[in-house]
PDB file of N, CA and C in Angstrom:
ATOM      1  N   MET A   1       0.839  -1.183   0.000  1.00  0.00           N
ATOM      2  CA  MET A   1       0.000   0.000   0.000  1.00  0.00           C
ATOM      3  C   MET A   1       0.878   1.239   0.000  1.00  0.00           C
ATOM      4  N   GLY A   2       0.496   2.198  -0.801  1.00  0.00           N
ATOM      5  CA  GLY A   2       1.280   3.411  -0.922  1.00  0.00           C
ATOM      6  C   GLY A   2       2.498   3.244  -1.801  1.00  0.00           C
ATOM      7  N   ASP A   3       2.567   2.133  -2.550  1.00  0.00           N
ATOM      8  CA  ASP A   3       3.720   1.865  -3.413  1.00  0.00           C
ATOM      9  C   ASP A   3       3.478   2.374  -4.824  1.00  0.00           C
ATOM     10  N   THR A   4       4.571   2.648  -5.525  1.00  0.00           N
ATOM     11  CA  THR A   4       4.536   3.013  -6.934  1.00  0.00           C
ATOM     12  C   THR A   4       5.359   2.000  -7.696  1.00  0.00           C
ATOM     13  N   GLY A   5       4.859   1.562  -8.844  1.00  0.00           N
ATOM     14  CA  GLY A   5       5.576   0.579  -9.652  1.00  0.00           C
ATOM     15  C   GLY A   5       5.287   0.782 -11.127  1.00  0.00           C
ATOM     16  N   PHE A   6       5.854  -0.077 -11.939  1.00  0.00           N
ATOM     17  CA  PHE A   6       5.708   0.004 -13.389  1.00  0.00           C
ATOM     18  C   PHE A   6       5.150  -1.301 -13.923  1.00  0.00           C
ATOM     19  N   PHE A   7       4.454  -1.225 -15.046  1.00  0.00           N
ATOM     20  CA  PHE A   7       3.944  -2.421 -15.703  1.00  0.00           C
ATOM     21  C   PHE A   7       4.128  -2.256 -17.206  1.00  0.00           C
ATOM     22  N   GLY A   8       4.258  -3.358 -17.896  1.00  0.00           N
ATOM     23  CA  GLY A   8       4.371  -3.352 -19.353  1.00  0.00           C
ATOM     24  C   GLY A   8       3.083  -3.861 -19.965  1.00  0.00           C
ATOM     25  N   PHE A   9       2.817  -3.449 -21.199  1.00  0.00           N
ATOM     26  CA  PHE A   9       1.634  -3.942 -21.888  1.00  0.00           C
ATOM     27  C   PHE A   9       1.891  -4.008 -23.380  1.00  0.00           C
ATOM     28  N   LYS A  10       1.087  -4.783 -24.054  1.00  0.00           N
ATOM     29  CA  LYS A  10       1.110  -4.822 -25.513  1.00  0.00           C
ATOM     30  C   LYS A  10      -0.326  -4.876 -25.992  1.00  0.00           C
ATOM     31  N   PHE A  11      -0.555  -4.325 -27.183  1.00  0.00           N
ATOM     32  CA  PHE A  11      -1.882  -4.386 -27.769  1.00  0.00           C
ATOM     33  C   PHE A  11      -1.748  -4.503 -29.274  1.00  0.00           C
ATOM     34  N   THR A  12      -2.801  -4.982 -29.900  1.00  0.00           N
ATOM     35  CA  THR A  12      -2.808  -5.171 -31.340  1.00  0.00           C
ATOM     36  C   THR A  12      -3.840  -4.239 -31.949  1.00  0.00           C
ATOM     37  N   SER A  13      -3.449  -3.571 -33.018  1.00  0.00           N
ATOM     38  CA  SER A  13      -4.355  -2.682 -33.744  1.00  0.00           C
ATOM     39  C   SER A  13      -4.054  -2.808 -35.234  1.00  0.00           C
ATOM     40  N   GLY A  14      -5.044  -3.127 -36.022  1.00  0.00           N
ATOM     41  CA  GLY A  14      -4.861  -3.241 -37.457  1.00  0.00           C
ATOM     42  C   GLY A  14      -3.852  -4.315 -37.844  1.00  0.00           C
ATOM     43  N   GLY A  15      -3.749  -5.369 -37.059  1.00  0.00           N
ATOM     44  CA  GLY A  15      -2.813  -6.439 -37.351  1.00  0.00           C
ATOM     45  C   GLY A  15      -1.393  -6.169 -36.879  1.00  0.00           C
ATOM     46  N   ASN A  16      -1.144  -5.006 -36.305  1.00  0.00           N
ATOM     47  CA  ASN A  16       0.181  -4.651 -35.792  1.00  0.00           C
ATOM     48  C   ASN A  16       0.184  -4.743 -34.269  1.00  0.00           C
ATOM     49  N   THR A  17       1.330  -5.127 -33.712  1.00  0.00           N
ATOM     50  CA  THR A  17       1.483  -5.214 -32.267  1.00  0.00           C
ATOM     51  C   THR A  17       2.308  -4.036 -31.777  1.00  0.00           C
ATOM     52  N   TYR A  18       1.844  -3.380 -30.713  1.00  0.00           N
ATOM     53  CA  TYR A  18       2.519  -2.232 -30.116  1.00  0.00           C
ATOM     54  C   TYR A  18       2.828  -2.556 -28.659  1.00  0.00           C
ATOM     55  N   TYR A  19       3.960  -2.035 -28.165  1.00  0.00           N
ATOM     56  CA  TYR A  19       4.383  -2.269 -26.787  1.00  0.00           C
ATOM     57  C   TYR A  19       4.435  -0.947 -26.032  1.00  0.00           C
ATOM     58  N   GLY A  20       4.176  -1.010 -24.737  1.00  0.00           N
ATOM     59  CA  GLY A  20       4.198   0.202 -23.924  1.00  0.00           C
ATOM     60  C   GLY A  20       4.477  -0.116 -22.475  1.00  0.00           C
ATOM     61  N   TRP A  21       4.456   0.921 -21.673  1.00  0.00           N
ATOM     62  CA  TRP A  21       4.662   0.785 -20.228  1.00  0.00           C
ATOM     63  C   TRP A  21       3.809   1.818 -19.516  1.00  0.00           C
ATOM     64  N   GLY A  22       3.572   1.583 -18.247  1.00  0.00           N
ATOM     65  CA  GLY A  22       2.806   2.516 -17.436  1.00  0.00           C
ATOM     66  C   GLY A  22       3.340   2.551 -16.027  1.00  0.00           C
ATOM     67  N   GLU A  23       3.038   3.624 -15.337  1.00  0.00           N
ATOM     68  CA  GLU A  23       3.400   3.772 -13.925  1.00  0.00           C
ATOM     69  C   GLU A  23       2.106   3.748 -13.125  1.00  0.00           C
ATOM     70  N   ILE A  24       2.103   2.987 -12.055  1.00  0.00           N
ATOM     71  CA  ILE A  24       0.894   2.820 -11.257  1.00  0.00           C
ATOM     72  C   ILE A  24       1.201   3.097  -9.789  1.00  0.00           C
ATOM     73  N   HIS A  25       0.272   3.758  -9.132  1.00  0.00           N
ATOM     74  CA  HIS A  25       0.403   4.035  -7.693  1.00  0.00           C
ATOM     75  C   HIS A  25      -0.723   3.290  -6.988  1.00  0.00           C
ATOM     76  N   ILE A  26      -0.355   2.438  -6.035  1.00  0.00           N
ATOM     77  CA  ILE A  26      -1.317   1.641  -5.282  1.00  0.00           C
ATOM     78  C   ILE A  26      -1.640   2.372  -3.979  1.00  0.00           C
ATOM     79  N   GLN A  27      -2.905   2.800  -3.814  1.00  0.00           N
ATOM     80  CA  GLN A  27      -3.307   3.484  -2.579  1.00  0.00           C
ATOM     81  C   GLN A  27      -3.683   2.503  -1.481  1.00  0.00           C
ATOM     82  N   GLY A  28      -4.183   1.348  -1.846  1.00  0.00           N
ATOM     83  CA  GLY A  28      -4.621   0.390  -0.834  1.00  0.00           C
ATOM     84  C   GLY A  28      -6.119   0.213  -0.887  1.00  0.00           C
ATOM     85  N   LEU A  29      -6.706  -0.085   0.233  1.00  0.00           N
ATOM     86  CA  LEU A  29      -8.141  -0.338   0.299  1.00  0.00           C
ATOM     87  C   LEU A  29      -8.900   0.984   0.342  1.00  0.00           C
ATOM     88  N   SER A  30      -9.450   1.368  -0.777  1.00  0.00           N
ATOM     89  CA  SER A  30     -10.251   2.587  -0.864  1.00  0.00           C
ATOM     90  C   SER A  30     -11.190   2.435  -2.053  1.00  0.00           C
ATOM     91  N   THR A  31     -11.969   3.467  -2.334  1.00  0.00           N
ATOM     92  CA  THR A  31     -12.871   3.406  -3.476  1.00  0.00           C
ATOM     93  C   THR A  31     -12.101   3.374  -4.786  1.00  0.00           C
ATOM     94  N   SER A  32     -10.908   3.928  -4.807  1.00  0.00           N
ATOM     95  CA  SER A  32     -10.030   3.885  -5.972  1.00  0.00           C
ATOM     96  C   SER A  32      -8.689   3.321  -5.513  1.00  0.00           C
ATOM     97  N   PRO A  33      -8.521   1.989  -5.574  1.00  0.00           N
ATOM     98  CA  PRO A  33      -7.332   1.380  -4.986  1.00  0.00           C
ATOM     99  C   PRO A  33      -6.030   1.651  -5.726  1.00  0.00           C
ATOM    100  N   TYR A  34      -6.103   2.146  -6.968  1.00  0.00           N
ATOM    101  CA  TYR A  34      -4.878   2.434  -7.712  1.00  0.00           C
ATOM    102  C   TYR A  34      -5.098   3.593  -8.673  1.00  0.00           C
ATOM    103  N   THR A  35      -4.008   4.220  -9.070  1.00  0.00           N
ATOM    104  CA  THR A  35      -4.036   5.300 -10.050  1.00  0.00           C
ATOM    105  C   THR A  35      -2.908   5.077 -11.039  1.00  0.00           C
ATOM    106  N   ILE A  36      -3.214   5.117 -12.324  1.00  0.00           N
ATOM    107  CA  ILE A  36      -2.179   5.061 -13.355  1.00  0.00           C
ATOM    108  C   ILE A  36      -1.744   6.503 -13.589  1.00  0.00           C
ATOM    109  N   THR A  37      -0.476   6.792 -13.266  1.00  0.00           N
ATOM    110  CA  THR A  37      -0.003   8.173 -13.325  1.00  0.00           C
ATOM    111  C   THR A  37       0.635   8.536 -14.661  1.00  0.00           C
ATOM    112  N   ARG A  38       1.222   7.556 -15.344  1.00  0.00           N
ATOM    113  CA  ARG A  38       1.804   7.802 -16.667  1.00  0.00           C
ATOM    114  C   ARG A  38       1.670   6.528 -17.495  1.00  0.00           C
ATOM    115  N   ALA A  39       1.532   6.676 -18.800  1.00  0.00           N
ATOM    116  CA  ALA A  39       1.523   5.525 -19.702  1.00  0.00           C
ATOM    117  C   ALA A  39       1.994   5.992 -21.074  1.00  0.00           C
ATOM    118  N   TYR A  40       2.857   5.217 -21.678  1.00  0.00           N
ATOM    119  CA  TYR A  40       3.397   5.525 -23.006  1.00  0.00           C
ATOM    120  C   TYR A  40       3.486   4.247 -23.815  1.00  0.00           C
ATOM    121  N   TYR A  41       3.415   4.378 -25.145  1.00  0.00           N
ATOM    122  CA  TYR A  41       3.646   3.221 -26.005  1.00  0.00           C
ATOM    123  C   TYR A  41       4.439   3.680 -27.224  1.00  0.00           C
ATOM    124  N   ASN A  42       5.132   2.720 -27.827  1.00  0.00           N
ATOM    125  CA  ASN A  42       5.916   2.996 -29.025  1.00  0.00           C
ATOM    126  C   ASN A  42       4.960   2.916 -30.201  1.00  0.00           C
ATOM    127  N   ASN A  43       4.836   3.983 -30.988  1.00  0.00           N
ATOM    128  CA  ASN A  43       3.882   3.989 -32.089  1.00  0.00           C
ATOM    129  C   ASN A  43       4.451   3.371 -33.363  1.00  0.00           C
ATOM    130  N   THR A  44       5.626   2.716 -33.265  1.00  0.00           N
ATOM    131  CA  THR A  44       6.184   1.947 -34.370  1.00  0.00           C
ATOM    132  C   THR A  44       5.820   0.479 -34.126  1.00  0.00           C
ATOM    133  N   PRO A  45       5.095  -0.142 -35.054  1.00  0.00           N
ATOM    134  CA  PRO A  45       4.677  -1.523 -34.827  1.00  0.00           C
ATOM    135  C   PRO A  45       5.856  -2.455 -34.563  1.00  0.00           C
ATOM    136  N   PHE A  46       5.684  -3.360 -33.630  1.00  0.00           N
ATOM    137  CA  PHE A  46       6.632  -4.420 -33.279  1.00  0.00           C
ATOM    138  C   PHE A  46       7.953  -3.897 -32.705  1.00  0.00           C
ATOM    139  N   ALA A  47       8.074  -2.610 -32.440  1.00  0.00           N
ATOM    140  CA  ALA A  47       9.313  -2.046 -31.893  1.00  0.00           C
ATOM    141  C   ALA A  47       9.251  -2.075 -30.369  1.00  0.00           C
ATOM    142  N   PRO A  48      10.365  -2.397 -29.714  1.00  0.00           N
ATOM    143  CA  PRO A  48      10.370  -2.428 -28.249  1.00  0.00           C
ATOM    144  C   PRO A  48      10.353  -1.022 -27.666  1.00  0.00           C
ATOM    145  N   ILE A  49      10.066  -0.945 -26.382  1.00  0.00           N
ATOM    146  CA  ILE A  49      10.127   0.320 -25.650  1.00  0.00           C
ATOM    147  C   ILE A  49      10.699   0.020 -24.270  1.00  0.00           C
ATOM    148  N   THR A  50      11.467   0.935 -23.741  1.00  0.00           N
ATOM    149  CA  THR A  50      12.072   0.784 -22.425  1.00  0.00           C
ATOM    150  C   THR A  50      11.283   1.605 -21.418  1.00  0.00           C
ATOM    151  N   VAL A  51      11.103   1.055 -20.212  1.00  0.00           N
ATOM    152  CA  VAL A  51      10.412   1.803 -19.170  1.00  0.00           C
ATOM    153  C   VAL A  51      11.140   3.120 -18.937  1.00  0.00           C
ATOM    154  N   GLY A  52      10.403   4.208 -18.917  1.00  0.00           N
ATOM    155  CA  GLY A  52      10.975   5.538 -18.762  1.00  0.00           C
ATOM    156  C   GLY A  52      11.115   6.266 -20.080  1.00  0.00           C
ATOM    157  N   ASP A  53      11.086   5.529 -21.197  1.00  0.00           N
ATOM    158  CA  ASP A  53      11.199   6.143 -22.515  1.00  0.00           C
ATOM    159  C   ASP A  53       9.865   6.774 -22.881  1.00  0.00           C
ATOM    160  N   THR A  54       9.872   8.068 -23.111  1.00  0.00           N
ATOM    161  CA  THR A  54       8.641   8.771 -23.481  1.00  0.00           C
ATOM    162  C   THR A  54       8.648   9.187 -24.939  1.00  0.00           C
ATOM    163  N   GLY A  55       9.685   8.815 -25.672  1.00  0.00           N
ATOM    164  CA  GLY A  55       9.746   9.171 -27.076  1.00  0.00           C
ATOM    165  C   GLY A  55       9.942  10.660 -27.253  1.00  0.00           C
ATOM    166  N   SER A  56       9.844  11.095 -28.486  1.00  0.00           N
ATOM    167  CA  SER A  56       9.965  12.530 -28.746  1.00  0.00           C
ATOM    168  C   SER A  56       8.591  13.165 -28.637  1.00  0.00           C
ATOM    169  N   ALA A  57       8.563  14.356 -28.123  1.00  0.00           N
ATOM    170  CA  ALA A  57       7.292  15.059 -27.937  1.00  0.00           C
ATOM    171  C   ALA A  57       6.822  15.616 -29.273  1.00  0.00           C
ATOM    172  N   VAL A  58       5.729  15.084 -29.771  1.00  0.00           N
ATOM    173  CA  VAL A  58       5.146  15.534 -31.024  1.00  0.00           C
ATOM    174  C   VAL A  58       3.737  16.011 -30.712  1.00  0.00           C
ATOM    175  N   PRO A  59       3.430  17.270 -31.031  1.00  0.00           N
ATOM    176  CA  PRO A  59       2.088  17.758 -30.725  1.00  0.00           C
ATOM    177  C   PRO A  59       1.031  17.044 -31.561  1.00  0.00           C
ATOM    178  N   GLU A  60      -0.139  16.891 -31.002  1.00  0.00           N
ATOM    179  CA  GLU A  60      -1.237  16.269 -31.728  1.00  0.00           C
ATOM    180  C   GLU A  60      -1.701  17.217 -32.832  1.00  0.00           C
ATOM    181  N   PRO A  61      -2.225  16.677 -33.926  1.00  0.00           N
ATOM    182  CA  PRO A  61      -2.698  17.532 -35.022  1.00  0.00           C
ATOM    183  C   PRO A  61      -3.753  18.540 -34.567  1.00  0.00           C
ATOM    184  N   SER A  62      -4.596  18.165 -33.620  1.00  0.00           N
ATOM    185  CA  SER A  62      -5.636  19.097 -33.167  1.00  0.00           C
ATOM    186  C   SER A  62      -5.018  20.299 -32.463  1.00  0.00           C
ATOM    187  N   ALA A  63      -3.910  20.100 -31.746  1.00  0.00           N
ATOM    188  CA  ALA A  63      -3.236  21.209 -31.071  1.00  0.00           C
ATOM    189  C   ALA A  63      -2.646  22.165 -32.101  1.00  0.00           C
ATOM    190  N   CYS A  64      -2.074  21.627 -33.170  1.00  0.00           N
ATOM    191  CA  CYS A  64      -1.519  22.476 -34.236  1.00  0.00           C
ATOM    192  C   CYS A  64      -2.629  23.258 -34.929  1.00  0.00           C
ATOM    193  N   ALA A  65      -3.751  22.593 -35.195  1.00  0.00           N
ATOM    194  CA  ALA A  65      -4.874  23.270 -35.854  1.00  0.00           C
ATOM    195  C   ALA A  65      -5.412  24.392 -34.985  1.00  0.00           C
ATOM    196  N   LEU A  66      -5.513  24.166 -33.687  1.00  0.00           N
ATOM    197  CA  LEU A  66      -6.001  25.196 -32.777  1.00  0.00           C
ATOM    198  C   LEU A  66      -5.042  26.387 -32.741  1.00  0.00           C
ATOM    199  N   ALA A  67      -3.742  26.132 -32.743  1.00  0.00           N
ATOM    200  CA  ALA A  67      -2.755  27.218 -32.744  1.00  0.00           C
ATOM    201  C   ALA A  67      -2.857  28.034 -34.024  1.00  0.00           C
ATOM    202  N   LEU A  68      -3.025  27.364 -35.167  1.00  0.00           N
ATOM    203  CA  LEU A  68      -3.171  28.084 -36.435  1.00  0.00           C
ATOM    204  C   LEU A  68      -4.454  28.903 -36.477  1.00  0.00           C
ATOM    205  N   LEU A  69      -5.530  28.353 -35.941  1.00  0.00           N
ATOM    206  CA  LEU A  69      -6.797  29.080 -35.887  1.00  0.00           C
ATOM    207  C   LEU A  69      -6.665  30.329 -35.023  1.00  0.00           C
ATOM    208  N   ALA A  70      -6.007  30.214 -33.893  1.00  0.00           N
ATOM    209  CA  ALA A  70      -5.805  31.363 -33.004  1.00  0.00           C
ATOM    210  C   ALA A  70      -4.944  32.424 -33.678  1.00  0.00           C
ATOM    211  N   ALA A  71      -3.878  32.007 -34.353  1.00  0.00           N
ATOM    212  CA  ALA A  71      -3.007  32.961 -35.042  1.00  0.00           C
ATOM    213  C   ALA A  71      -3.782  33.682 -36.149  1.00  0.00           C
ATOM    214  N   GLY A  72      -4.631  32.935 -36.865  1.00  0.00           N
ATOM    215  CA  GLY A  72      -5.455  33.560 -37.912  1.00  0.00           C
ATOM    216  C   GLY A  72      -6.438  34.560 -37.336  1.00  0.00           C
ATOM    217  N   GLY A  73      -7.014  34.242 -36.182  1.00  0.00           N
ATOM    218  CA  GLY A  73      -7.941  35.168 -35.535  1.00  0.00           C
ATOM    219  C   GLY A  73      -7.260  36.446 -35.090  1.00  0.00           C
ATOM    220  N   VAL A  74      -6.067  36.323 -34.552  1.00  0.00           N
ATOM    221  CA  VAL A  74      -5.302  37.507 -34.127  1.00  0.00           C
ATOM    222  C   VAL A  74      -4.955  38.355 -35.341  1.00  0.00           C
ATOM    223  N   ALA A  75      -4.537  37.710 -36.433  1.00  0.00           N
ATOM    224  CA  ALA A  75      -4.188  38.453 -37.658  1.00  0.00           C
ATOM    225  C   ALA A  75      -5.406  39.182 -38.217  1.00  0.00           C
ATOM    226  N   ALA A  76      -6.566  38.516 -38.215  1.00  0.00           N
ATOM    227  CA  ALA A  76      -7.781  39.156 -38.723  1.00  0.00           C
ATOM    228  C   ALA A  76      -8.186  40.326 -37.834  1.00  0.00           C
ATOM    229  N   TYR A  77      -8.075  40.167 -36.526  1.00  0.00           N
ATOM    230  CA  TYR A  77      -8.413  41.243 -35.595  1.00  0.00           C
ATOM    231  C   TYR A  77      -7.504  42.446 -35.804  1.00  0.00           C
ATOM    232  N   ARG A  78      -6.219  42.195 -35.925  1.00  0.00           N
ATOM    233  CA  ARG A  78      -5.272  43.302 -36.105  1.00  0.00           C
ATOM    234  C   ARG A  78      -5.473  44.001 -37.441  1.00  0.00           C
ATOM    235  N   GLY A  79      -5.868  43.231 -38.469  1.00  0.00           N
ATOM    236  CA  GLY A  79      -6.097  43.816 -39.788  1.00  0.00           C
ATOM    237  C   GLY A  79      -7.326  44.705 -39.846  1.00  0.00           C
ATOM    238  N   ARG A  80      -8.318  44.418 -39.031  1.00  0.00           N
ATOM    239  CA  ARG A  80      -9.566  45.189 -39.036  1.00  0.00           C
ATOM    240  C   ARG A  80      -9.579  46.332 -38.049  1.00  0.00           C
ATOM    241  N   ARG A  81      -8.589  46.376 -37.181  1.00  0.00           N
ATOM    242  CA  ARG A  81      -8.530  47.457 -36.212  1.00  0.00           C
ATOM    243  C   ARG A  81      -8.308  48.786 -36.922  1.00  0.00           C
ATOM    244  N   LYS A  82      -8.987  49.812 -36.479  1.00  0.00           N
ATOM    245  CA  LYS A  82      -8.807  51.125 -37.093  1.00  0.00           C
ATOM    246  C   LYS A  82      -7.540  51.760 -36.584  1.00  0.00           C
ATOM    247  N   GLN A  83      -6.855  52.450 -37.451  1.00  0.00           N
ATOM    248  CA  GLN A  83      -5.636  53.161 -37.089  1.00  0.00           C
ATOM    249  C   GLN A  83      -6.029  54.408 -36.305  1.00  0.00           C
ATOM    250  N   VAL A  84      -5.377  54.636 -35.172  1.00  0.00           N
ATOM    251  CA  VAL A  84      -5.615  55.822 -34.355  1.00  0.00           C
ATOM    252  C   VAL A  84      -4.596  56.872 -34.743  1.00  0.00           C
ATOM    253  N   ALA A  85      -5.062  58.112 -35.007  1.00  0.00           N
ATOM    254  CA  ALA A  85      -4.140  59.191 -35.397  1.00  0.00           C
ATOM    255  C   ALA A  85      -3.241  59.555 -34.228  1.00  0.00           C
ATOM    256  N   ALA A  86      -1.972  59.750 -34.507  1.00  0.00           N
ATOM    257  CA  ALA A  86      -1.017  60.063 -33.441  1.00  0.00           C
ATOM    258  C   ALA A  86      -0.972  61.532 -33.144  1.00  0.00           C
TER     259      ALA A  86
END
């Protein structure tokens, strides 16, 4: 109880096998006896992964789209703002 440990897992998707690892914290006897605090998998089929390896940080496509949308909104706002005489 109160321990933290690691576990490995594998799953199959589209005929490919992927491997990963997770970190788990065991609270003991409670309504939620454990919490998975981190989990990662190698997105290259059949490639191994080492516990602690988080790979390279690649933003999700939705995050990139949101950033581009925000930049476009700022550009449109600045373009429509009226110039104030100095």
